[in-house]
Amino acid sequence: HPMGGGEGRASGGHPRSRNGIPAKGYKTRAPKKATNKYIIERRKK
């Protein structure tokens, strides 16, 4: 898995989920998607 192993005190690396997709702010949406023009603003949490 993405952050496994290492020798001794090995810290994180790049923040990514268990399946290797980057976490924390990485846009997962395809930039050429046809419905992208309808998304004006990101949904507030």
C-alpha atoms as a PDB file:
ATOM      1  CA  HIS A   1       0.000   0.000   0.000  1.00  0.00           C
ATOM      2  CA  PRO A   2       1.085   3.610  -0.613  1.00  0.00           C
ATOM      3  CA  MET A   3       2.877   4.409   2.659  1.00  0.00           C
ATOM      4  CA  GLY A   4       3.978   0.962   3.742  1.00  0.00           C
ATOM      5  CA  GLY A   5       7.406  -0.285   4.676  1.00  0.00           C
ATOM      6  CA  GLY A   6      10.470   1.885   5.026  1.00  0.00           C
ATOM      7  CA  GLU A   7      13.499   1.416   7.243  1.00  0.00           C
ATOM      8  CA  GLY A   8      13.107   2.354  10.883  1.00  0.00           C
ATOM      9  CA  ARG A   9      11.468   5.695  11.482  1.00  0.00           C
ATOM     10  CA  ALA A  10      10.039   6.320   8.035  1.00  0.00           C
ATOM     11  CA  SER A  11       7.482   9.134   8.068  1.00  0.00           C
ATOM     12  CA  GLY A  12       4.548   9.602   5.679  1.00  0.00           C
ATOM     13  CA  GLY A  13       5.269  10.632   2.138  1.00  0.00           C
ATOM     14  CA  HIS A  14       2.577  12.140  -0.029  1.00  0.00           C
ATOM     15  CA  PRO A  15      -0.855  12.043   1.605  1.00  0.00           C
ATOM     16  CA  ARG A  16      -2.827   9.450  -0.291  1.00  0.00           C
ATOM     17  CA  SER A  17      -5.675   7.104   0.427  1.00  0.00           C
ATOM     18  CA  ARG A  18      -5.321   3.372   0.923  1.00  0.00           C
ATOM     19  CA  ASN A  19      -5.732   2.631  -2.787  1.00  0.00           C
ATOM     20  CA  GLY A  20      -2.999   5.055  -3.869  1.00  0.00           C
ATOM     21  CA  ILE A  21      -5.145   7.977  -5.014  1.00  0.00           C
ATOM     22  CA  PRO A  22      -3.830  11.261  -3.568  1.00  0.00           C
ATOM     23  CA  ALA A  23      -5.869  12.645  -0.683  1.00  0.00           C
ATOM     24  CA  LYS A  24      -6.177  16.226   0.652  1.00  0.00           C
ATOM     25  CA  GLY A  25      -7.060  18.663  -2.093  1.00  0.00           C
ATOM     26  CA  TYR A  26      -6.279  16.588  -5.188  1.00  0.00           C
ATOM     27  CA  LYS A  27      -8.981  17.109  -7.817  1.00  0.00           C
ATOM     28  CA  THR A  28     -10.294  13.728  -8.936  1.00  0.00           C
ATOM     29  CA  ARG A  29     -12.713  15.056 -11.540  1.00  0.00           C
ATOM     30  CA  ALA A  30     -11.751  14.740 -15.206  1.00  0.00           C
ATOM     31  CA  PRO A  31     -10.985  18.194 -16.641  1.00  0.00           C
ATOM     32  CA  LYS A  32     -12.537  17.429 -20.047  1.00  0.00           C
ATOM     33  CA  LYS A  33     -15.844  16.195 -18.651  1.00  0.00           C
ATOM     34  CA  ALA A  34     -18.814  17.580 -20.603  1.00  0.00           C
ATOM     35  CA  THR A  35     -20.811  18.736 -17.561  1.00  0.00           C
ATOM     36  CA  ASN A  36     -17.916  20.772 -16.151  1.00  0.00           C
ATOM     37  CA  LYS A  37     -19.326  24.002 -17.588  1.00  0.00           C
ATOM     38  CA  TYR A  38     -22.333  23.712 -15.274  1.00  0.00           C
ATOM     39  CA  ILE A  39     -20.213  23.637 -12.114  1.00  0.00           C
ATOM     40  CA  ILE A  40     -19.696  27.255 -11.132  1.00  0.00           C
ATOM     41  CA  GLU A  41     -18.559  26.994  -7.523  1.00  0.00           C
ATOM     42  CA  ARG A  42     -17.552  24.194  -5.196  1.00  0.00           C
ATOM     43  CA  ARG A  43     -20.096  23.038  -2.645  1.00  0.00           C
ATOM     44  CA  LYS A  44     -19.489  24.420   0.832  1.00  0.00           C
ATOM     45  CA  LYS A  45     -18.835  21.812   3.486  1.00  0.00           C
END
